Amino acid sequence: MLESRPVYERPGYRTLIGRIRNNVRTYIRKQIELPKQEIAEIIKANLNAAKWFGIALAFVFLALIAFAVFVIGLIAIWLPLWASALIALVLFGAIAALLGYGGYKRLDLRGPTRSIQSIKETVRWAKARVLGRNAS
């Protein structure tokens, strides 16, 4: 005698629990993936600002090394040596401040807002489900 399988077979508790476990694992993996991706985007955006800070720092060193003696000597033709050194210091400081300000304006400091919002929504949904309210 040949037994035929029913058209619709109801899965057992073991199968359902296994599916739930796999779904929870997948969900947790995705929840961990989102902050990683968002932080990578933030770092990528801030690399541009870091480049500007690096350029500003390079110009500070170049200015101090290459032009300090020349400018001080040039100004020293008309003013005393100490006054020409002070003027050169102010000039190099102003250039460094302008370049540093350019890097600061491009800096983007923020946390992973999308991830935080997603976790808050998940917690609200889970609380609503546990307390028996609608998950809206």
N, C-alpha and C. Protein backbone atom coordinates (compact mmCIF):
# COMPACT_ATOMS: atom_id res chain seq x y z
N MET A 1 0.83 -1.17 0.00
CA MET A 1 0.00 0.00 0.00
C MET A 1 0.88 1.24 0.00
N LEU A 2 0.57 2.19 -0.83
CA LEU A 2 1.36 3.41 -1.00
C LEU A 2 0.74 4.54 -0.20
N GLU A 3 1.55 5.15 0.66
CA GLU A 3 1.04 6.29 1.44
C GLU A 3 1.41 7.58 0.73
N SER A 4 0.47 8.45 0.63
CA SER A 4 0.75 9.75 0.00
C SER A 4 0.89 10.81 1.09
N ARG A 5 1.81 11.73 0.84
CA ARG A 5 2.03 12.82 1.79
C ARG A 5 0.89 13.83 1.68
N PRO A 6 0.50 14.40 2.79
CA PRO A 6 -0.53 15.42 2.70
C PRO A 6 -0.03 16.62 1.89
N VAL A 7 -0.96 17.33 1.25
CA VAL A 7 -0.59 18.47 0.42
C VAL A 7 0.04 19.57 1.27
N TYR A 8 -0.51 19.81 2.42
CA TYR A 8 0.01 20.85 3.31
C TYR A 8 0.46 20.18 4.59
N GLU A 9 1.74 20.20 4.81
CA GLU A 9 2.27 19.57 6.00
C GLU A 9 2.62 20.65 7.02
N ARG A 10 2.09 20.57 8.20
CA ARG A 10 2.37 21.56 9.24
C ARG A 10 3.72 21.26 9.87
N PRO A 11 4.57 22.26 9.92
CA PRO A 11 5.88 22.01 10.54
C PRO A 11 5.72 21.84 12.06
N GLY A 12 6.65 21.11 12.63
CA GLY A 12 6.63 20.89 14.07
C GLY A 12 7.23 22.08 14.82
N TYR A 13 7.14 21.98 16.14
CA TYR A 13 7.68 23.05 16.98
C TYR A 13 9.18 23.21 16.79
N ARG A 14 9.85 22.10 16.62
CA ARG A 14 11.29 22.15 16.43
C ARG A 14 11.65 22.97 15.19
N THR A 15 10.92 22.75 14.12
CA THR A 15 11.16 23.48 12.88
C THR A 15 10.85 24.96 13.06
N LEU A 16 9.74 25.24 13.71
CA LEU A 16 9.36 26.65 13.93
C LEU A 16 10.38 27.37 14.81
N ILE A 17 10.82 26.71 15.87
CA ILE A 17 11.82 27.32 16.75
C ILE A 17 13.13 27.52 16.01
N GLY A 18 13.49 26.56 15.16
CA GLY A 18 14.71 26.71 14.35
C GLY A 18 14.62 27.89 13.41
N ARG A 19 13.45 28.06 12.80
CA ARG A 19 13.26 29.22 11.91
C ARG A 19 13.34 30.53 12.68
N ILE A 20 12.71 30.55 13.85
CA ILE A 20 12.76 31.77 14.68
C ILE A 20 14.20 32.07 15.06
N ARG A 21 14.93 31.04 15.49
CA ARG A 21 16.33 31.23 15.87
C ARG A 21 17.15 31.78 14.70
N ASN A 22 16.96 31.23 13.52
CA ASN A 22 17.69 31.70 12.34
C ASN A 22 17.30 33.14 11.99
N ASN A 23 16.01 33.45 12.11
CA ASN A 23 15.56 34.82 11.83
C ASN A 23 16.15 35.81 12.83
N VAL A 24 16.20 35.41 14.10
CA VAL A 24 16.78 36.30 15.13
C VAL A 24 18.26 36.50 14.86
N ARG A 25 18.97 35.44 14.51
CA ARG A 25 20.40 35.57 14.18
C ARG A 25 20.62 36.51 13.00
N THR A 26 19.81 36.34 11.97
CA THR A 26 19.92 37.20 10.79
C THR A 26 19.64 38.65 11.17
N TYR A 27 18.60 38.85 11.98
CA TYR A 27 18.24 40.21 12.40
C TYR A 27 19.38 40.85 13.20
N ILE A 28 19.96 40.10 14.13
CA ILE A 28 21.05 40.64 14.94
C ILE A 28 22.25 40.96 14.06
N ARG A 29 22.55 40.08 13.10
CA ARG A 29 23.66 40.35 12.17
C ARG A 29 23.43 41.64 11.41
N LYS A 30 22.19 41.84 10.95
CA LYS A 30 21.86 43.06 10.19
C LYS A 30 21.93 44.29 11.09
N GLN A 31 21.50 44.15 12.35
CA GLN A 31 21.56 45.28 13.28
C GLN A 31 23.00 45.66 13.60
N ILE A 32 23.90 44.70 13.59
CA ILE A 32 25.32 44.99 13.83
C ILE A 32 25.95 45.57 12.57
N GLU A 33 25.49 45.14 11.42
CA GLU A 33 26.03 45.60 10.14
C GLU A 33 25.74 47.08 9.90
N LEU A 34 24.56 47.54 10.28
CA LEU A 34 24.16 48.93 10.02
C LEU A 34 25.09 49.94 10.71
N PRO A 35 25.38 49.81 12.02
CA PRO A 35 26.32 50.78 12.62
C PRO A 35 27.71 50.72 11.99
N LYS A 36 28.16 49.51 11.64
CA LYS A 36 29.47 49.40 11.00
C LYS A 36 29.50 50.20 9.70
N GLN A 37 28.45 50.03 8.91
CA GLN A 37 28.38 50.74 7.63
C GLN A 37 28.28 52.24 7.85
N GLU A 38 27.48 52.66 8.82
CA GLU A 38 27.31 54.09 9.07
C GLU A 38 28.60 54.73 9.59
N ILE A 39 29.31 54.03 10.47
CA ILE A 39 30.57 54.56 10.99
C ILE A 39 31.60 54.63 9.88
N ALA A 40 31.60 53.65 8.98
CA ALA A 40 32.52 53.69 7.83
C ALA A 40 32.23 54.91 6.95
N GLU A 41 30.96 55.24 6.77
CA GLU A 41 30.60 56.42 5.98
C GLU A 41 31.07 57.70 6.66
N ILE A 42 30.92 57.75 7.99
CA ILE A 42 31.35 58.94 8.75
C ILE A 42 32.86 59.10 8.65
N ILE A 43 33.60 57.99 8.79
CA ILE A 43 35.06 58.06 8.70
C ILE A 43 35.48 58.50 7.30
N LYS A 44 34.83 57.97 6.29
CA LYS A 44 35.16 58.34 4.91
C LYS A 44 34.94 59.83 4.69
N ALA A 45 33.84 60.37 5.23
CA ALA A 45 33.56 61.79 5.09
C ALA A 45 34.60 62.63 5.83
N ASN A 46 35.07 62.14 6.98
CA ASN A 46 36.03 62.91 7.78
C ASN A 46 37.45 62.78 7.28
N LEU A 47 37.73 61.81 6.40
CA LEU A 47 39.07 61.72 5.83
C LEU A 47 39.40 62.96 5.01
N ASN A 48 38.41 63.53 4.36
CA ASN A 48 38.63 64.75 3.59
C ASN A 48 39.05 65.89 4.53
N ALA A 49 38.40 66.00 5.67
CA ALA A 49 38.77 67.03 6.65
C ALA A 49 40.18 66.77 7.19
N ALA A 50 40.51 65.50 7.42
CA ALA A 50 41.84 65.16 7.92
C ALA A 50 42.92 65.53 6.90
N LYS A 51 42.61 65.37 5.61
CA LYS A 51 43.55 65.79 4.57
C LYS A 51 43.81 67.28 4.65
N TRP A 52 42.76 68.05 4.86
CA TRP A 52 42.94 69.50 4.97
C TRP A 52 43.76 69.87 6.20
N PHE A 53 43.53 69.17 7.32
CA PHE A 53 44.37 69.41 8.50
C PHE A 53 45.82 69.05 8.22
N GLY A 54 46.05 67.97 7.50
CA GLY A 54 47.41 67.57 7.14
C GLY A 54 48.09 68.60 6.25
N ILE A 55 47.34 69.11 5.28
CA ILE A 55 47.90 70.14 4.39
C ILE A 55 48.22 71.40 5.20
N ALA A 56 47.33 71.76 6.10
CA ALA A 56 47.57 72.94 6.94
C ALA A 56 48.84 72.76 7.78
N LEU A 57 49.01 71.58 8.35
CA LEU A 57 50.20 71.30 9.16
C LEU A 57 51.47 71.33 8.31
N ALA A 58 51.39 70.78 7.10
CA ALA A 58 52.55 70.81 6.21
C ALA A 58 52.93 72.24 5.87
N PHE A 59 51.93 73.09 5.63
CA PHE A 59 52.23 74.48 5.33
C PHE A 59 52.81 75.22 6.53
N VAL A 60 52.38 74.85 7.71
CA VAL A 60 52.97 75.46 8.91
C VAL A 60 54.45 75.14 8.98
N PHE A 61 54.80 73.87 8.80
CA PHE A 61 56.21 73.48 8.86
C PHE A 61 57.01 74.09 7.71
N LEU A 62 56.44 74.04 6.51
CA LEU A 62 57.13 74.64 5.37
C LEU A 62 57.35 76.14 5.58
N ALA A 63 56.33 76.79 6.07
CA ALA A 63 56.44 78.22 6.27
C ALA A 63 57.50 78.55 7.33
N LEU A 64 57.51 77.80 8.39
CA LEU A 64 58.48 78.06 9.45
C LEU A 64 59.91 77.76 9.00
N ILE A 65 60.07 76.69 8.24
CA ILE A 65 61.42 76.30 7.84
C ILE A 65 61.93 77.12 6.65
N ALA A 66 61.11 77.21 5.59
CA ALA A 66 61.60 77.78 4.33
C ALA A 66 61.58 79.30 4.29
N PHE A 67 60.54 79.90 4.87
CA PHE A 67 60.38 81.33 4.70
C PHE A 67 60.70 82.17 5.92
N ALA A 68 60.87 81.54 7.07
CA ALA A 68 61.07 82.30 8.30
C ALA A 68 62.31 83.20 8.21
N VAL A 69 63.41 82.61 7.85
CA VAL A 69 64.65 83.39 7.81
C VAL A 69 64.58 84.48 6.73
N PHE A 70 64.02 84.13 5.58
CA PHE A 70 63.92 85.12 4.49
C PHE A 70 63.05 86.30 4.89
N VAL A 71 61.88 86.03 5.43
CA VAL A 71 60.96 87.12 5.78
C VAL A 71 61.53 87.96 6.91
N ILE A 72 62.09 87.30 7.89
CA ILE A 72 62.67 88.06 9.00
C ILE A 72 63.81 88.95 8.49
N GLY A 73 64.63 88.37 7.62
CA GLY A 73 65.73 89.17 7.07
C GLY A 73 65.22 90.32 6.21
N LEU A 74 64.19 90.09 5.43
CA LEU A 74 63.64 91.14 4.57
C LEU A 74 63.05 92.28 5.40
N ILE A 75 62.30 91.92 6.44
CA ILE A 75 61.70 92.96 7.28
C ILE A 75 62.77 93.65 8.11
N ALA A 76 63.81 92.92 8.44
CA ALA A 76 64.88 93.49 9.26
C ALA A 76 65.62 94.63 8.54
N ILE A 77 65.40 94.77 7.24
CA ILE A 77 66.02 95.90 6.52
C ILE A 77 65.45 97.21 7.05
N TRP A 78 64.14 97.25 7.36
CA TRP A 78 63.50 98.49 7.78
C TRP A 78 63.24 98.56 9.28
N LEU A 79 63.12 97.43 9.95
CA LEU A 79 62.80 97.39 11.37
C LEU A 79 63.88 96.65 12.14
N PRO A 80 63.86 96.76 13.45
CA PRO A 80 64.81 95.98 14.24
C PRO A 80 64.53 94.47 14.08
N LEU A 81 65.51 93.65 14.36
CA LEU A 81 65.40 92.21 14.16
C LEU A 81 64.26 91.59 14.95
N TRP A 82 64.08 92.01 16.20
CA TRP A 82 63.02 91.44 17.02
C TRP A 82 61.63 91.76 16.46
N ALA A 83 61.44 92.96 15.91
CA ALA A 83 60.14 93.35 15.35
C ALA A 83 59.86 92.56 14.06
N SER A 84 60.89 92.36 13.26
CA SER A 84 60.68 91.59 12.02
C SER A 84 60.37 90.12 12.34
N ALA A 85 60.97 89.55 13.38
CA ALA A 85 60.66 88.18 13.80
C ALA A 85 59.21 88.08 14.30
N LEU A 86 58.75 89.07 15.01
CA LEU A 86 57.38 89.09 15.50
C LEU A 86 56.38 89.19 14.35
N ILE A 87 56.65 90.02 13.38
CA ILE A 87 55.76 90.15 12.21
C ILE A 87 55.70 88.83 11.43
N ALA A 88 56.83 88.17 11.25
CA ALA A 88 56.86 86.89 10.54
C ALA A 88 56.05 85.83 11.31
N LEU A 89 56.17 85.83 12.61
CA LEU A 89 55.41 84.89 13.44
C LEU A 89 53.91 85.10 13.26
N VAL A 90 53.45 86.33 13.29
CA VAL A 90 52.03 86.63 13.11
C VAL A 90 51.56 86.22 11.71
N LEU A 91 52.36 86.51 10.70
CA LEU A 91 52.00 86.16 9.33
C LEU A 91 51.86 84.64 9.16
N PHE A 92 52.82 83.86 9.64
CA PHE A 92 52.76 82.41 9.52
C PHE A 92 51.61 81.83 10.35
N GLY A 93 51.38 82.41 11.50
CA GLY A 93 50.26 81.95 12.33
C GLY A 93 48.91 82.19 11.65
N ALA A 94 48.78 83.33 10.96
CA ALA A 94 47.53 83.63 10.26
C ALA A 94 47.29 82.64 9.12
N ILE A 95 48.32 82.31 8.37
CA ILE A 95 48.18 81.34 7.28
C ILE A 95 47.77 79.97 7.85
N ALA A 96 48.41 79.56 8.91
CA ALA A 96 48.07 78.27 9.53
C ALA A 96 46.63 78.28 10.06
N ALA A 97 46.21 79.40 10.65
CA ALA A 97 44.85 79.50 11.17
C ALA A 97 43.82 79.41 10.04
N LEU A 98 44.06 80.06 8.92
CA LEU A 98 43.14 80.01 7.79
C LEU A 98 43.01 78.59 7.24
N LEU A 99 44.13 77.91 7.07
CA LEU A 99 44.09 76.54 6.56
C LEU A 99 43.44 75.59 7.57
N GLY A 100 43.73 75.77 8.84
CA GLY A 100 43.10 74.95 9.87
C GLY A 100 41.60 75.18 9.95
N TYR A 101 41.17 76.41 9.77
CA TYR A 101 39.75 76.72 9.77
C TYR A 101 39.06 76.06 8.58
N GLY A 102 39.73 76.01 7.43
CA GLY A 102 39.18 75.32 6.26
C GLY A 102 38.95 73.84 6.55
N GLY A 103 39.89 73.19 7.23
CA GLY A 103 39.72 71.79 7.61
C GLY A 103 38.62 71.61 8.64
N TYR A 104 38.53 72.53 9.59
CA TYR A 104 37.50 72.47 10.63
C TYR A 104 36.10 72.59 10.02
N LYS A 105 35.94 73.45 9.04
CA LYS A 105 34.63 73.63 8.40
C LYS A 105 34.20 72.35 7.66
N ARG A 106 35.13 71.56 7.20
CA ARG A 106 34.81 70.34 6.48
C ARG A 106 34.63 69.13 7.40
N LEU A 107 34.89 69.30 8.69
CA LEU A 107 34.79 68.20 9.65
C LEU A 107 33.32 67.91 9.96
N ASP A 108 32.96 66.63 10.02
CA ASP A 108 31.58 66.20 10.25
C ASP A 108 31.57 65.25 11.46
N LEU A 109 31.27 65.79 12.63
CA LEU A 109 31.25 64.99 13.85
C LEU A 109 29.81 64.68 14.22
N ARG A 110 29.45 63.39 14.14
CA ARG A 110 28.12 62.94 14.55
C ARG A 110 28.19 61.45 14.83
N GLY A 111 27.20 60.97 15.53
CA GLY A 111 27.13 59.55 15.83
C GLY A 111 26.35 58.81 14.76
N PRO A 112 26.26 57.48 14.90
CA PRO A 112 25.50 56.68 13.93
C PRO A 112 23.99 56.84 14.16
N THR A 113 23.41 57.93 13.70
CA THR A 113 22.02 58.28 14.00
C THR A 113 21.02 57.28 13.44
N ARG A 114 21.26 56.77 12.23
CA ARG A 114 20.31 55.81 11.65
C ARG A 114 20.26 54.54 12.49
N SER A 115 21.42 54.08 12.96
CA SER A 115 21.47 52.85 13.76
C SER A 115 20.74 53.05 15.08
N ILE A 116 20.96 54.19 15.72
CA ILE A 116 20.32 54.47 17.00
C ILE A 116 18.80 54.52 16.81
N GLN A 117 18.35 55.19 15.75
CA GLN A 117 16.92 55.27 15.48
C GLN A 117 16.33 53.89 15.21
N SER A 118 17.03 53.07 14.46
CA SER A 118 16.55 51.72 14.16
C SER A 118 16.43 50.88 15.42
N ILE A 119 17.40 50.98 16.30
CA ILE A 119 17.35 50.22 17.56
C ILE A 119 16.20 50.71 18.43
N LYS A 120 15.97 52.02 18.48
CA LYS A 120 14.85 52.56 19.26
C LYS A 120 13.52 52.06 18.72
N GLU A 121 13.38 52.04 17.40
CA GLU A 121 12.14 51.53 16.80
C GLU A 121 11.94 50.05 17.12
N THR A 122 13.01 49.28 17.09
CA THR A 122 12.92 47.86 17.40
C THR A 122 12.50 47.65 18.85
N VAL A 123 13.06 48.44 19.76
CA VAL A 123 12.71 48.32 21.18
C VAL A 123 11.25 48.69 21.39
N ARG A 124 10.79 49.76 20.72
CA ARG A 124 9.37 50.14 20.84
C ARG A 124 8.46 49.03 20.33
N TRP A 125 8.83 48.46 19.19
CA TRP A 125 8.03 47.39 18.59
C TRP A 125 8.00 46.17 19.51
N ALA A 126 9.17 45.80 20.04
CA ALA A 126 9.25 44.63 20.92
C ALA A 126 8.43 44.85 22.20
N LYS A 127 8.50 46.04 22.78
CA LYS A 127 7.73 46.33 23.99
C LYS A 127 6.24 46.24 23.70
N ALA A 128 5.84 46.78 22.54
CA ALA A 128 4.43 46.74 22.18
C ALA A 128 3.97 45.29 21.99
N ARG A 129 4.80 44.46 21.40
CA ARG A 129 4.44 43.05 21.18
C ARG A 129 4.36 42.30 22.51
N VAL A 130 5.30 42.57 23.40
CA VAL A 130 5.32 41.87 24.68
C VAL A 130 4.14 42.31 25.54
N LEU A 131 3.82 43.59 25.49
CA LEU A 131 2.72 44.10 26.32
C LEU A 131 1.36 43.87 25.65
N GLY A 132 1.33 43.38 24.42
CA GLY A 132 0.08 43.03 23.76
C GLY A 132 -0.61 44.18 23.05
N ARG A 133 0.09 45.26 22.82
CA ARG A 133 -0.50 46.37 22.09
C ARG A 133 -0.22 46.23 20.61
N ASN A 134 -0.85 47.07 19.82
CA ASN A 134 -0.57 47.08 18.39
C ASN A 134 0.85 47.58 18.15
N ALA A 135 1.53 46.99 17.20
CA ALA A 135 2.91 47.39 16.87
C ALA A 135 2.87 48.40 15.75
N SER A 136 2.47 49.61 16.06
CA SER A 136 2.37 50.64 15.02
C SER A 136 3.49 51.60 15.07
